Protein backbone atom coordinates (compact mmCIF):
# COMPACT_ATOMS: atom_id res chain seq x y z
CA MET A 1 -72.16 -26.75 129.52
CA ALA A 2 -75.63 -27.48 130.77
CA ALA A 3 -76.43 -30.31 133.15
CA LYS A 4 -77.19 -33.62 131.45
CA VAL A 5 -79.87 -36.09 132.51
CA ASP A 6 -79.43 -39.85 132.24
CA THR A 7 -83.02 -40.81 131.40
CA GLU A 8 -82.32 -44.44 132.29
CA LYS A 9 -81.63 -43.41 135.90
CA CYS A 10 -84.17 -40.57 136.20
CA THR A 11 -87.33 -41.56 138.06
CA GLY A 12 -89.11 -38.23 137.61
CA CYS A 13 -89.15 -37.45 141.34
CA GLY A 14 -88.93 -33.70 140.66
CA LEU A 15 -86.40 -32.86 143.38
CA CYS A 16 -84.11 -31.26 140.79
CA VAL A 17 -86.97 -29.08 139.56
CA ASP A 18 -87.53 -27.81 143.10
CA VAL A 19 -83.90 -26.81 143.71
CA CYS A 20 -83.05 -25.26 140.34
CA PRO A 21 -82.56 -21.51 140.93
CA THR A 22 -83.07 -20.60 137.26
CA GLU A 23 -86.06 -22.90 136.60
CA ALA A 24 -84.06 -24.61 133.88
CA ILE A 25 -85.41 -28.08 134.69
CA THR A 26 -88.86 -29.37 133.87
CA LEU A 27 -90.43 -32.81 133.90
CA THR A 28 -91.42 -34.14 130.50
CA ASN A 29 -92.94 -37.61 130.27
CA ASP A 30 -91.85 -38.21 133.89
CA LYS A 31 -88.20 -37.46 133.11
CA ALA A 32 -86.15 -34.38 133.96
CA LYS A 33 -85.27 -32.15 131.03
CA VAL A 34 -82.72 -29.32 131.22
CA ASP A 35 -83.08 -26.12 129.21
CA ALA A 36 -79.45 -25.42 128.24
CA GLU A 37 -80.21 -21.74 127.70
CA LYS A 38 -81.32 -21.29 131.32
CA CYS A 39 -78.87 -23.66 133.05
CA VAL A 40 -75.99 -21.88 134.83
CA ASP A 41 -74.08 -25.06 135.83
CA CYS A 42 -74.53 -24.43 139.55
CA GLY A 43 -74.69 -28.15 140.38
CA GLN A 44 -77.60 -27.95 142.82
CA CYS A 45 -79.55 -30.51 140.81
CA VAL A 46 -76.57 -32.88 140.78
CA GLU A 47 -76.34 -32.72 144.58
CA GLU A 48 -80.11 -33.18 145.05
CA CYS A 49 -80.67 -36.12 142.69
CA PRO A 50 -81.05 -39.34 144.74
CA ASN A 51 -80.43 -41.51 141.66
CA ASN A 52 -77.25 -39.85 140.36
CA ALA A 53 -79.13 -39.21 137.12
CA ILE A 54 -77.79 -35.69 136.56
CA SER A 55 -74.24 -34.63 135.79
CA ILE A 56 -72.43 -31.57 134.58
CA PRO A 57 -70.01 -32.56 131.83
């Protein structure tokens, strides 16, 4: 399953975008958005997020 973003916690800092090895994360309206087709569930975004806004179900 692809990483999920809690938009209530996401501040749009972009750190997850920078660490994603498959470029599956983009910022849309200042919130992270994950492309499920590109996400490989590596967890790098989860580790990088300072707001705990990303999880892998």
